[in-house]
Each structure stands twice: as C-alpha cells, then as structure tokens.
PDB file of N, CA and C in Angstrom:
ATOM      1  N   MET A   1       8.166   8.721  31.151  1.00  0.00           N
ATOM      2  CA  MET A   1       7.731   8.005  29.961  1.00  0.00           C
ATOM      3  C   MET A   1       6.774   8.911  29.188  1.00  0.00           C
ATOM      4  N   HIS A   2       7.267   9.559  28.143  1.00  0.00           N
ATOM      5  CA  HIS A   2       6.429  10.451  27.350  1.00  0.00           C
ATOM      6  C   HIS A   2       5.448   9.680  26.468  1.00  0.00           C
ATOM      7  N   GLU A   3       5.636   8.379  26.345  1.00  0.00           N
ATOM      8  CA  GLU A   3       4.728   7.565  25.532  1.00  0.00           C
ATOM      9  C   GLU A   3       3.314   7.544  26.101  1.00  0.00           C
ATOM     10  N   LEU A   4       3.155   7.708  27.407  1.00  0.00           N
ATOM     11  CA  LEU A   4       1.816   7.758  27.997  1.00  0.00           C
ATOM     12  C   LEU A   4       1.043   8.949  27.441  1.00  0.00           C
ATOM     13  N   GLY A   5       1.655  10.117  27.433  1.00  0.00           N
ATOM     14  CA  GLY A   5       1.007  11.309  26.873  1.00  0.00           C
ATOM     15  C   GLY A   5       0.749  11.174  25.379  1.00  0.00           C
ATOM     16  N   ILE A   6       1.687  10.580  24.670  1.00  0.00           N
ATOM     17  CA  ILE A   6       1.511  10.366  23.228  1.00  0.00           C
ATOM     18  C   ILE A   6       0.345   9.420  22.982  1.00  0.00           C
ATOM     19  N   THR A   7       0.269   8.335  23.762  1.00  0.00           N
ATOM     20  CA  THR A   7      -0.823   7.373  23.602  1.00  0.00           C
ATOM     21  C   THR A   7      -2.162   8.024  23.929  1.00  0.00           C
ATOM     22  N   GLN A   8      -2.209   8.853  24.958  1.00  0.00           N
ATOM     23  CA  GLN A   8      -3.451   9.569  25.282  1.00  0.00           C
ATOM     24  C   GLN A   8      -3.889  10.445  24.112  1.00  0.00           C
ATOM     25  N   ASN A   9      -2.939  11.118  23.480  1.00  0.00           N
ATOM     26  CA  ASN A   9      -3.262  11.956  22.324  1.00  0.00           C
ATOM     27  C   ASN A   9      -3.739  11.113  21.136  1.00  0.00           C
ATOM     28  N   ILE A  10      -3.112   9.984  20.901  1.00  0.00           N
ATOM     29  CA  ILE A  10      -3.525   9.093  19.810  1.00  0.00           C
ATOM     30  C   ILE A  10      -4.963   8.646  20.035  1.00  0.00           C
ATOM     31  N   VAL A  11      -5.272   8.223  21.259  1.00  0.00           N
ATOM     32  CA  VAL A  11      -6.625   7.759  21.585  1.00  0.00           C
ATOM     33  C   VAL A  11      -7.630   8.891  21.421  1.00  0.00           C
ATOM     34  N   THR A  12      -7.290  10.082  21.875  1.00  0.00           N
ATOM     35  CA  THR A  12      -8.191  11.239  21.748  1.00  0.00           C
ATOM     36  C   THR A  12      -8.483  11.553  20.286  1.00  0.00           C
ATOM     37  N   ILE A  13      -7.445  11.597  19.470  1.00  0.00           N
ATOM     38  CA  ILE A  13      -7.613  11.900  18.039  1.00  0.00           C
ATOM     39  C   ILE A  13      -8.442  10.819  17.352  1.00  0.00           C
ATOM     40  N   ALA A  14      -8.113   9.561  17.620  1.00  0.00           N
ATOM     41  CA  ALA A  14      -8.832   8.456  16.991  1.00  0.00           C
ATOM     42  C   ALA A  14     -10.295   8.421  17.445  1.00  0.00           C
ATOM     43  N   ALA A  15     -10.547   8.682  18.718  1.00  0.00           N
ATOM     44  CA  ALA A  15     -11.922   8.686  19.231  1.00  0.00           C
ATOM     45  C   ALA A  15     -12.742   9.801  18.590  1.00  0.00           C
ATOM     46  N   GLU A  16     -12.128  10.967  18.411  1.00  0.00           N
ATOM     47  CA  GLU A  16     -12.826  12.069  17.739  1.00  0.00           C
ATOM     48  C   GLU A  16     -13.164  11.688  16.302  1.00  0.00           C
ATOM     49  N   TYR A  17     -12.227  11.070  15.619  1.00  0.00           N
ATOM     50  CA  TYR A  17     -12.448  10.664  14.231  1.00  0.00           C
ATOM     51  C   TYR A  17     -13.532   9.594  14.135  1.00  0.00           C
ATOM     52  N   ALA A  18     -13.572   8.670  15.113  1.00  0.00           N
ATOM     53  CA  ALA A  18     -14.562   7.595  15.124  1.00  0.00           C
ATOM     54  C   ALA A  18     -15.971   8.119  15.380  1.00  0.00           C
ATOM     55  N   ASN A  19     -16.071   9.325  15.925  1.00  0.00           N
ATOM     56  CA  ASN A  19     -17.365   9.977  16.140  1.00  0.00           C
ATOM     57  C   ASN A  19     -18.312   9.101  16.971  1.00  0.00           C
ATOM     58  N   GLY A  20     -17.770   8.450  18.002  1.00  0.00           N
ATOM     59  CA  GLY A  20     -18.589   7.641  18.895  1.00  0.00           C
ATOM     60  C   GLY A  20     -18.807   6.205  18.456  1.00  0.00           C
ATOM     61  N   ASN A  21     -18.405   5.855  17.245  1.00  0.00           N
ATOM     62  CA  ASN A  21     -18.565   4.486  16.756  1.00  0.00           C
ATOM     63  C   ASN A  21     -17.466   3.590  17.334  1.00  0.00           C
ATOM     64  N   PRO A  22     -17.799   2.349  17.671  1.00  0.00           N
ATOM     65  CA  PRO A  22     -16.789   1.439  18.223  1.00  0.00           C
ATOM     66  C   PRO A  22     -15.680   1.137  17.206  1.00  0.00           C
ATOM     67  N   VAL A  23     -14.465   1.141  17.692  1.00  0.00           N
ATOM     68  CA  VAL A  23     -13.292   0.867  16.846  1.00  0.00           C
ATOM     69  C   VAL A  23     -12.782  -0.532  17.150  1.00  0.00           C
ATOM     70  N   LYS A  24     -12.528  -1.307  16.094  1.00  0.00           N
ATOM     71  CA  LYS A  24     -12.013  -2.671  16.258  1.00  0.00           C
ATOM     72  C   LYS A  24     -10.496  -2.731  16.225  1.00  0.00           C
ATOM     73  N   ARG A  25      -9.882  -1.883  15.382  1.00  0.00           N
ATOM     74  CA  ARG A  25      -8.421  -1.938  15.244  1.00  0.00           C
ATOM     75  C   ARG A  25      -7.878  -0.560  14.917  1.00  0.00           C
ATOM     76  N   VAL A  26      -6.727  -0.258  15.497  1.00  0.00           N
ATOM     77  CA  VAL A  26      -6.000   0.975  15.215  1.00  0.00           C
ATOM     78  C   VAL A  26      -4.638   0.569  14.670  1.00  0.00           C
ATOM     79  N   THR A  27      -4.259   1.169  13.534  1.00  0.00           N
ATOM     80  CA  THR A  27      -2.943   0.908  12.957  1.00  0.00           C
ATOM     81  C   THR A  27      -2.124   2.186  13.027  1.00  0.00           C
ATOM     82  N   LEU A  28      -0.969   2.091  13.653  1.00  0.00           N
ATOM     83  CA  LEU A  28      -0.044   3.222  13.770  1.00  0.00           C
ATOM     84  C   LEU A  28       1.203   2.949  12.950  1.00  0.00           C
ATOM     85  N   GLU A  29       1.820   4.023  12.473  1.00  0.00           N
ATOM     86  CA  GLU A  29       3.137   3.924  11.849  1.00  0.00           C
ATOM     87  C   GLU A  29       4.083   4.732  12.723  1.00  0.00           C
ATOM     88  N   ILE A  30       5.106   4.067  13.241  1.00  0.00           N
ATOM     89  CA  ILE A  30       6.068   4.718  14.122  1.00  0.00           C
ATOM     90  C   ILE A  30       7.456   4.559  13.518  1.00  0.00           C
ATOM     91  N   GLY A  31       8.113   5.668  13.246  1.00  0.00           N
ATOM     92  CA  GLY A  31       9.453   5.649  12.681  1.00  0.00           C
ATOM     93  C   GLY A  31      10.502   5.300  13.720  1.00  0.00           C
ATOM     94  N   GLN A  32      11.510   4.585  13.275  1.00  0.00           N
ATOM     95  CA  GLN A  32      12.591   4.140  14.146  1.00  0.00           C
ATOM     96  C   GLN A  32      13.376   5.321  14.735  1.00  0.00           C
ATOM     97  N   LEU A  33      13.329   6.466  14.066  1.00  0.00           N
ATOM     98  CA  LEU A  33      14.074   7.637  14.532  1.00  0.00           C
ATOM     99  C   LEU A  33      13.184   8.621  15.305  1.00  0.00           C
ATOM    100  N   SER A  34      11.947   8.236  15.596  1.00  0.00           N
ATOM    101  CA  SER A  34      10.987   9.158  16.210  1.00  0.00           C
ATOM    102  C   SER A  34      11.156   9.319  17.711  1.00  0.00           C
ATOM    103  N   ALA A  35      11.982   8.533  18.340  1.00  0.00           N
ATOM    104  CA  ALA A  35      12.189   8.544  19.796  1.00  0.00           C
ATOM    105  C   ALA A  35      10.933   8.110  20.545  1.00  0.00           C
ATOM    106  N   VAL A  36      10.059   7.366  19.861  1.00  0.00           N
ATOM    107  CA  VAL A  36       8.867   6.793  20.484  1.00  0.00           C
ATOM    108  C   VAL A  36       9.051   5.283  20.511  1.00  0.00           C
ATOM    109  N   MET A  37       8.858   4.690  21.669  1.00  0.00           N
ATOM    110  CA  MET A  37       9.062   3.248  21.829  1.00  0.00           C
ATOM    111  C   MET A  37       7.744   2.513  21.583  1.00  0.00           C
ATOM    112  N   PRO A  38       7.666   1.729  20.502  1.00  0.00           N
ATOM    113  CA  PRO A  38       6.433   1.003  20.197  1.00  0.00           C
ATOM    114  C   PRO A  38       5.937   0.118  21.345  1.00  0.00           C
ATOM    115  N   ASP A  39       6.841  -0.551  22.062  1.00  0.00           N
ATOM    116  CA  ASP A  39       6.416  -1.410  23.172  1.00  0.00           C
ATOM    117  C   ASP A  39       5.750  -0.602  24.284  1.00  0.00           C
ATOM    118  N   ALA A  40       6.223   0.602  24.513  1.00  0.00           N
ATOM    119  CA  ALA A  40       5.607   1.457  25.535  1.00  0.00           C
ATOM    120  C   ALA A  40       4.220   1.919  25.087  1.00  0.00           C
ATOM    121  N   ILE A  41       4.054   2.208  23.791  1.00  0.00           N
ATOM    122  CA  ILE A  41       2.737   2.576  23.263  1.00  0.00           C
ATOM    123  C   ILE A  41       1.777   1.393  23.434  1.00  0.00           C
ATOM    124  N   ARG A  42       2.235   0.191  23.120  1.00  0.00           N
ATOM    125  CA  ARG A  42       1.408  -1.007  23.292  1.00  0.00           C
ATOM    126  C   ARG A  42       0.983  -1.165  24.758  1.00  0.00           C
ATOM    127  N   PHE A  43       1.920  -0.939  25.659  1.00  0.00           N
ATOM    128  CA  PHE A  43       1.669  -1.076  27.089  1.00  0.00           C
ATOM    129  C   PHE A  43       0.611  -0.078  27.557  1.00  0.00           C
ATOM    130  N   CYS A  44       0.661   1.143  27.057  1.00  0.00           N
ATOM    131  CA  CYS A  44      -0.246   2.204  27.494  1.00  0.00           C
ATOM    132  C   CYS A  44      -1.605   2.180  26.801  1.00  0.00           C
ATOM    133  N   PHE A  45      -1.697   1.549  25.642  1.00  0.00           N
ATOM    134  CA  PHE A  45      -2.893   1.655  24.812  1.00  0.00           C
ATOM    135  C   PHE A  45      -4.160   1.153  25.510  1.00  0.00           C
ATOM    136  N   ASP A  46      -4.119  -0.021  26.125  1.00  0.00           N
ATOM    137  CA  ASP A  46      -5.317  -0.569  26.766  1.00  0.00           C
ATOM    138  C   ASP A  46      -5.825   0.330  27.884  1.00  0.00           C
ATOM    139  N   VAL A  47      -4.912   0.859  28.675  1.00  0.00           N
ATOM    140  CA  VAL A  47      -5.303   1.734  29.780  1.00  0.00           C
ATOM    141  C   VAL A  47      -5.891   3.041  29.251  1.00  0.00           C
ATOM    142  N   CYS A  48      -5.236   3.634  28.266  1.00  0.00           N
ATOM    143  CA  CYS A  48      -5.677   4.920  27.724  1.00  0.00           C
ATOM    144  C   CYS A  48      -7.001   4.817  26.960  1.00  0.00           C
ATOM    145  N   SER A  49      -7.296   3.653  26.402  1.00  0.00           N
ATOM    146  CA  SER A  49      -8.501   3.516  25.577  1.00  0.00           C
ATOM    147  C   SER A  49      -9.740   3.139  26.387  1.00  0.00           C
ATOM    148  N   GLN A  50      -9.585   2.816  27.672  1.00  0.00           N
ATOM    149  CA  GLN A  50     -10.736   2.460  28.500  1.00  0.00           C
ATOM    150  C   GLN A  50     -11.735   3.612  28.534  1.00  0.00           C
ATOM    151  N   GLY A  51     -13.010   3.280  28.375  1.00  0.00           N
ATOM    152  CA  GLY A  51     -14.062   4.290  28.428  1.00  0.00           C
ATOM    153  C   GLY A  51     -14.192   5.124  27.159  1.00  0.00           C
ATOM    154  N   THR A  52     -13.523   4.698  26.077  1.00  0.00           N
ATOM    155  CA  THR A  52     -13.578   5.410  24.798  1.00  0.00           C
ATOM    156  C   THR A  52     -14.086   4.446  23.731  1.00  0.00           C
ATOM    157  N   PRO A  53     -14.416   4.948  22.537  1.00  0.00           N
ATOM    158  CA  PRO A  53     -14.803   4.039  21.452  1.00  0.00           C
ATOM    159  C   PRO A  53     -13.699   3.049  21.064  1.00  0.00           C
ATOM    160  N   LEU A  54     -12.480   3.261  21.539  1.00  0.00           N
ATOM    161  CA  LEU A  54     -11.358   2.371  21.224  1.00  0.00           C
ATOM    162  C   LEU A  54     -11.190   1.247  22.241  1.00  0.00           C
ATOM    163  N   ALA A  55     -12.011   1.234  23.286  1.00  0.00           N
ATOM    164  CA  ALA A  55     -11.891   0.201  24.324  1.00  0.00           C
ATOM    165  C   ALA A  55     -12.024  -1.182  23.683  1.00  0.00           C
ATOM    166  N   GLY A  56     -11.066  -2.038  23.948  1.00  0.00           N
ATOM    167  CA  GLY A  56     -11.073  -3.386  23.401  1.00  0.00           C
ATOM    168  C   GLY A  56     -10.515  -3.506  21.993  1.00  0.00           C
ATOM    169  N   ALA A  57     -10.154  -2.395  21.382  1.00  0.00           N
ATOM    170  CA  ALA A  57      -9.606  -2.420  20.020  1.00  0.00           C
ATOM    171  C   ALA A  57      -8.202  -3.030  20.031  1.00  0.00           C
ATOM    172  N   SER A  58      -7.858  -3.688  18.946  1.00  0.00           N
ATOM    173  CA  SER A  58      -6.492  -4.188  18.821  1.00  0.00           C
ATOM    174  C   SER A  58      -5.608  -3.064  18.261  1.00  0.00           C
ATOM    175  N   LEU A  59      -4.340  -3.141  18.572  1.00  0.00           N
ATOM    176  CA  LEU A  59      -3.381  -2.133  18.129  1.00  0.00           C
ATOM    177  C   LEU A  59      -2.333  -2.800  17.258  1.00  0.00           C
ATOM    178  N   GLU A  60      -2.182  -2.290  16.052  1.00  0.00           N
ATOM    179  CA  GLU A  60      -1.149  -2.776  15.133  1.00  0.00           C
ATOM    180  C   GLU A  60      -0.156  -1.638  14.929  1.00  0.00           C
ATOM    181  N   ILE A  61       1.116  -1.938  15.065  1.00  0.00           N
ATOM    182  CA  ILE A  61       2.147  -0.921  14.877  1.00  0.00           C
ATOM    183  C   ILE A  61       3.082  -1.351  13.755  1.00  0.00           C
ATOM    184  N   ILE A  62       3.221  -0.474  12.777  1.00  0.00           N
ATOM    185  CA  ILE A  62       4.161  -0.670  11.674  1.00  0.00           C
ATOM    186  C   ILE A  62       5.383   0.184  11.996  1.00  0.00           C
ATOM    187  N   GLU A  63       6.534  -0.449  12.125  1.00  0.00           N
ATOM    188  CA  GLU A  63       7.758   0.284  12.437  1.00  0.00           C
ATOM    189  C   GLU A  63       8.498   0.602  11.145  1.00  0.00           C
ATOM    190  N   THR A  64       8.721   1.884  10.912  1.00  0.00           N
ATOM    191  CA  THR A  64       9.377   2.352   9.696  1.00  0.00           C
ATOM    192  C   THR A  64      10.865   2.550   9.962  1.00  0.00           C
ATOM    193  N   PRO A  65      11.739   1.945   9.155  1.00  0.00           N
ATOM    194  CA  PRO A  65      13.177   2.112   9.371  1.00  0.00           C
ATOM    195  C   PRO A  65      13.644   3.530   9.030  1.00  0.00           C
ATOM    196  N   GLY A  66      14.763   3.914   9.618  1.00  0.00           N
ATOM    197  CA  GLY A  66      15.345   5.213   9.324  1.00  0.00           C
ATOM    198  C   GLY A  66      16.074   5.208   7.992  1.00  0.00           C
ATOM    199  N   LEU A  67      15.976   6.332   7.289  1.00  0.00           N
ATOM    200  CA  LEU A  67      16.631   6.455   5.994  1.00  0.00           C
ATOM    201  C   LEU A  67      17.068   7.903   5.814  1.00  0.00           C
ATOM    202  N   GLY A  68      18.308   8.089   5.389  1.00  0.00           N
ATOM    203  CA  GLY A  68      18.836   9.426   5.150  1.00  0.00           C
ATOM    204  C   GLY A  68      19.388   9.564   3.747  1.00  0.00           C
ATOM    205  N   ARG A  69      19.490  10.803   3.305  1.00  0.00           N
ATOM    206  CA  ARG A  69      20.067  11.092   1.984  1.00  0.00           C
ATOM    207  C   ARG A  69      21.241  12.047   2.192  1.00  0.00           C
ATOM    208  N   CYS A  70      22.369  11.674   1.607  1.00  0.00           N
ATOM    209  CA  CYS A  70      23.564  12.503   1.686  1.00  0.00           C
ATOM    210  C   CYS A  70      23.337  13.786   0.886  1.00  0.00           C
ATOM    211  N   ARG A  71      23.636  14.910   1.497  1.00  0.00           N
ATOM    212  CA  ARG A  71      23.454  16.197   0.809  1.00  0.00           C
ATOM    213  C   ARG A  71      24.573  16.465  -0.206  1.00  0.00           C
ATOM    214  N   ARG A  72      25.649  15.692  -0.135  1.00  0.00           N
ATOM    215  CA  ARG A  72      26.747  15.878  -1.085  1.00  0.00           C
ATOM    216  C   ARG A  72      26.571  15.003  -2.325  1.00  0.00           C
ATOM    217  N   CYS A  73      26.350  13.690  -2.131  1.00  0.00           N
ATOM    218  CA  CYS A  73      26.321  12.783  -3.285  1.00  0.00           C
ATOM    219  C   CYS A  73      24.929  12.200  -3.563  1.00  0.00           C
ATOM    220  N   SER A  74      23.952  12.534  -2.738  1.00  0.00           N
ATOM    221  CA  SER A  74      22.554  12.088  -2.882  1.00  0.00           C
ATOM    222  C   SER A  74      22.340  10.596  -2.651  1.00  0.00           C
ATOM    223  N   ARG A  75      23.335   9.902  -2.130  1.00  0.00           N
ATOM    224  CA  ARG A  75      23.189   8.478  -1.814  1.00  0.00           C
ATOM    225  C   ARG A  75      22.253   8.328  -0.619  1.00  0.00           C
ATOM    226  N   GLU A  76      21.378   7.323  -0.663  1.00  0.00           N
ATOM    227  CA  GLU A  76      20.496   7.024   0.460  1.00  0.00           C
ATOM    228  C   GLU A  76      21.156   5.967   1.335  1.00  0.00           C
ATOM    229  N   ILE A  77      21.100   6.193   2.657  1.00  0.00           N
ATOM    230  CA  ILE A  77      21.713   5.244   3.583  1.00  0.00           C
ATOM    231  C   ILE A  77      20.735   4.931   4.719  1.00  0.00           C
ATOM    232  N   ALA A  78      20.781   3.689   5.185  1.00  0.00           N
ATOM    233  CA  ALA A  78      19.964   3.272   6.328  1.00  0.00           C
ATOM    234  C   ALA A  78      20.518   3.917   7.593  1.00  0.00           C
ATOM    235  N   LEU A  79      19.608   4.331   8.477  1.00  0.00           N
ATOM    236  CA  LEU A  79      20.001   4.970   9.724  1.00  0.00           C
ATOM    237  C   LEU A  79      19.326   4.277  10.902  1.00  0.00           C
ATOM    238  N   ASP A  80      20.107   3.954  11.920  1.00  0.00           N
ATOM    239  CA  ASP A  80      19.561   3.437  13.176  1.00  0.00           C
ATOM    240  C   ASP A  80      19.395   4.562  14.186  1.00  0.00           C
ATOM    241  N   VAL A  81      20.125   5.639  13.979  1.00  0.00           N
ATOM    242  CA  VAL A  81      20.085   6.837  14.815  1.00  0.00           C
ATOM    243  C   VAL A  81      19.974   8.037  13.877  1.00  0.00           C
ATOM    244  N   PRO A  82      19.570   9.206  14.401  1.00  0.00           N
ATOM    245  CA  PRO A  82      19.319  10.337  13.501  1.00  0.00           C
ATOM    246  C   PRO A  82      20.563  11.066  12.979  1.00  0.00           C
ATOM    247  N   PHE A  83      21.682  10.366  12.889  1.00  0.00           N
ATOM    248  CA  PHE A  83      22.904  10.936  12.317  1.00  0.00           C
ATOM    249  C   PHE A  83      23.724   9.790  11.760  1.00  0.00           C
ATOM    250  N   GLY A  84      24.682  10.112  10.951  1.00  0.00           N
ATOM    251  CA  GLY A  84      25.512   9.072  10.373  1.00  0.00           C
ATOM    252  C   GLY A  84      26.541   9.657   9.434  1.00  0.00           C
ATOM    253  N   VAL A  85      27.276   8.778   8.774  1.00  0.00           N
ATOM    254  CA  VAL A  85      28.307   9.177   7.825  1.00  0.00           C
ATOM    255  C   VAL A  85      28.070   8.397   6.533  1.00  0.00           C
ATOM    256  N   CYS A  86      28.004   9.114   5.443  1.00  0.00           N
ATOM    257  CA  CYS A  86      27.833   8.505   4.123  1.00  0.00           C
ATOM    258  C   CYS A  86      29.140   7.822   3.701  1.00  0.00           C
ATOM    259  N   GLU A  87      29.038   6.956   2.716  1.00  0.00           N
ATOM    260  CA  GLU A  87      30.224   6.288   2.172  1.00  0.00           C
ATOM    261  C   GLU A  87      31.214   7.293   1.589  1.00  0.00           C
ATOM    262  N   CYS A  88      30.724   8.465   1.164  1.00  0.00           N
ATOM    263  CA  CYS A  88      31.611   9.488   0.599  1.00  0.00           C
ATOM    264  C   CYS A  88      32.310  10.296   1.696  1.00  0.00           C
ATOM    265  N   GLY A  89      31.963  10.007   2.973  1.00  0.00           N
ATOM    266  CA  GLY A  89      32.591  10.692   4.100  1.00  0.00           C
ATOM    267  C   GLY A  89      31.800  11.877   4.625  1.00  0.00           C
ATOM    268  N   CYS A  90      30.756  12.259   3.945  1.00  0.00           N
ATOM    269  CA  CYS A  90      29.944  13.408   4.349  1.00  0.00           C
ATOM    270  C   CYS A  90      29.061  13.041   5.550  1.00  0.00           C
ATOM    271  N   GLN A  91      28.954  13.978   6.500  1.00  0.00           N
ATOM    272  CA  GLN A  91      28.091  13.792   7.665  1.00  0.00           C
ATOM    273  C   GLN A  91      26.815  14.617   7.566  1.00  0.00           C
ATOM    274  N   ASP A  92      26.659  15.353   6.487  1.00  0.00           N
ATOM    275  CA  ASP A  92      25.490  16.211   6.296  1.00  0.00           C
ATOM    276  C   ASP A  92      24.386  15.396   5.615  1.00  0.00           C
ATOM    277  N   LEU A  93      23.526  14.804   6.450  1.00  0.00           N
ATOM    278  CA  LEU A  93      22.474  13.929   5.945  1.00  0.00           C
ATOM    279  C   LEU A  93      21.098  14.551   6.176  1.00  0.00           C
ATOM    280  N   GLN A  94      20.244  14.361   5.203  1.00  0.00           N
ATOM    281  CA  GLN A  94      18.850  14.767   5.333  1.00  0.00           C
ATOM    282  C   GLN A  94      18.053  13.511   5.683  1.00  0.00           C
ATOM    283  N   ILE A  95      17.319  13.547   6.794  1.00  0.00           N
ATOM    284  CA  ILE A  95      16.481  12.404   7.159  1.00  0.00           C
ATOM    285  C   ILE A  95      15.249  12.429   6.265  1.00  0.00           C
ATOM    286  N   ILE A  96      15.025  11.341   5.544  1.00  0.00           N
ATOM    287  CA  ILE A  96      13.886  11.285   4.620  1.00  0.00           C
ATOM    288  C   ILE A  96      12.832  10.265   5.061  1.00  0.00           C
ATOM    289  N   GLN A  97      13.157   9.453   6.061  1.00  0.00           N
ATOM    290  CA  GLN A  97      12.189   8.479   6.561  1.00  0.00           C
ATOM    291  C   GLN A  97      12.605   8.032   7.945  1.00  0.00           C
ATOM    292  N   GLY A  98      11.619   7.791   8.795  1.00  0.00           N
ATOM    293  CA  GLY A  98      11.912   7.234  10.109  1.00  0.00           C
ATOM    294  C   GLY A  98      11.488   8.100  11.269  1.00  0.00           C
ATOM    295  N   GLU A  99      11.020   9.311  10.995  1.00  0.00           N
ATOM    296  CA  GLU A  99      10.577  10.188  12.075  1.00  0.00           C
ATOM    297  C   GLU A  99       9.051  10.205  12.218  1.00  0.00           C
ATOM    298  N   GLU A 100       8.362   9.334  11.490  1.00  0.00           N
ATOM    299  CA  GLU A 100       6.907   9.343  11.439  1.00  0.00           C
ATOM    300  C   GLU A 100       6.278   8.877  12.751  1.00  0.00           C
ATOM    301  N   LEU A 101       5.122   9.448  13.036  1.00  0.00           N
ATOM    302  CA  LEU A 101       4.210   8.952  14.059  1.00  0.00           C
ATOM    303  C   LEU A 101       2.824   9.261  13.520  1.00  0.00           C
ATOM    304  N   LEU A 102       2.217   8.259  12.885  1.00  0.00           N
ATOM    305  CA  LEU A 102       0.962   8.461  12.164  1.00  0.00           C
ATOM    306  C   LEU A 102      -0.098   7.462  12.593  1.00  0.00           C
ATOM    307  N   ILE A 103      -1.331   7.932  12.644  1.00  0.00           N
ATOM    308  CA  ILE A 103      -2.460   7.021  12.737  1.00  0.00           C
ATOM    309  C   ILE A 103      -2.791   6.670  11.295  1.00  0.00           C
ATOM    310  N   LYS A 104      -2.428   5.472  10.882  1.00  0.00           N
ATOM    311  CA  LYS A 104      -2.589   5.062   9.486  1.00  0.00           C
ATOM    312  C   LYS A 104      -4.012   4.617   9.172  1.00  0.00           C
ATOM    313  N   GLN A 105      -4.651   3.923  10.129  1.00  0.00           N
ATOM    314  CA  GLN A 105      -5.955   3.347   9.822  1.00  0.00           C
ATOM    315  C   GLN A 105      -6.741   3.088  11.100  1.00  0.00           C
ATOM    316  N   LEU A 106      -8.044   3.316  11.002  1.00  0.00           N
ATOM    317  CA  LEU A 106      -8.986   2.908  12.045  1.00  0.00           C
ATOM    318  C   LEU A 106      -9.967   1.944  11.402  1.00  0.00           C
ATOM    319  N   GLU A 107     -10.117   0.795  11.978  1.00  0.00           N
ATOM    320  CA  GLU A 107     -11.119  -0.152  11.496  1.00  0.00           C
ATOM    321  C   GLU A 107     -12.276  -0.106  12.489  1.00  0.00           C
ATOM    322  N   MET A 108     -13.428   0.331  12.013  1.00  0.00           N
ATOM    323  CA  MET A 108     -14.580   0.491  12.886  1.00  0.00           C
ATOM    324  C   MET A 108     -15.588  -0.629  12.656  1.00  0.00           C
ATOM    325  N   GLU A 109     -16.333  -0.907  13.695  1.00  0.00           N
ATOM    326  CA  GLU A 109     -17.397  -1.908  13.604  1.00  0.00           C
ATOM    327  C   GLU A 109     -18.515  -1.348  12.730  1.00  0.00           C
ATOM    328  N   ASP A 110     -19.170  -2.247  12.005  1.00  0.00           N
ATOM    329  CA  ASP A 110     -20.331  -1.844  11.226  1.00  0.00           C
ATOM    330  C   ASP A 110     -21.468  -1.511  12.181  1.00  0.00           C
ATOM    331  N   VAL A 111     -22.015  -0.339  12.025  1.00  0.00           N
ATOM    332  CA  VAL A 111     -23.107   0.082  12.884  1.00  0.00           C
ATOM    333  C   VAL A 111     -24.348   0.219  12.018  1.00  0.00           C
ATOM    334  N   CYS A 112     -25.351  -0.591  12.303  1.00  0.00           N
ATOM    335  CA  CYS A 112     -26.603  -0.527  11.544  1.00  0.00           C
ATOM    336  C   CYS A 112     -27.576   0.396  12.268  1.00  0.00           C
ATOM    337  N   VAL A 113     -28.219   1.239  11.507  1.00  0.00           N
ATOM    338  CA  VAL A 113     -29.177   2.186  12.112  1.00  0.00           C
ATOM    339  C   VAL A 113     -30.573   1.778  11.732  1.00  0.00           C
TER     340      VAL A 113
END
C-alpha cells in the first residue's frame, strides 16, 4: 500500500507549513487517474498525523475526475482510466485533468500570543 508513504509525506509537508501551529482541517485534491486511493489515504491519515500539529485534524478529500483532450480533433473526453478512444477514433489523448495530488488548504487554529 503506497498510500501509507504518500500520507506520511502529506503530513510532513503540511506540518512544516503549519510551523508548529495546530491544524484543524486538511483539504486534499486527488485526481481519479493518480493511482492514489482516497479511502486508503483517509485510513492512514489519523495514524500518520499522531504526534504532529495535524493530530485530530479532519481530512477533506476532493476527487477530481479524469479528462483528456484528443490530439487530432481537440475534443475533450471524460476518462476513468489513463487511456481511451475519442469519438473520432483517435487513441492519442493528452491527459489534462485527473492526475493531481495536491494539498489544497490547511485550516489552522487561531493562536493568540
């Protein structure tokens, strides 16, 4: 399960960005064609965030659908897998959406000094 390593990296990056401040919510964007399983990330998140500023934070995942553009006719087509066939018969598609794995937002607690 490579999602464990990916989740550890997400937590590390987010914790560095939080600079020690407690995080309330993490929002990720995961593309449908990224080969990352959102449910596995959810499963690993609580364990990976223990002992970090993300401990107890909620995790929101936005799943981005796959989208390709035909290199012959420029038509955009929905993709469930990273390959396909355009209506014009062309198989040469450029993936334009769906491979993302982004930390979109960190919501941090207000810290008064």
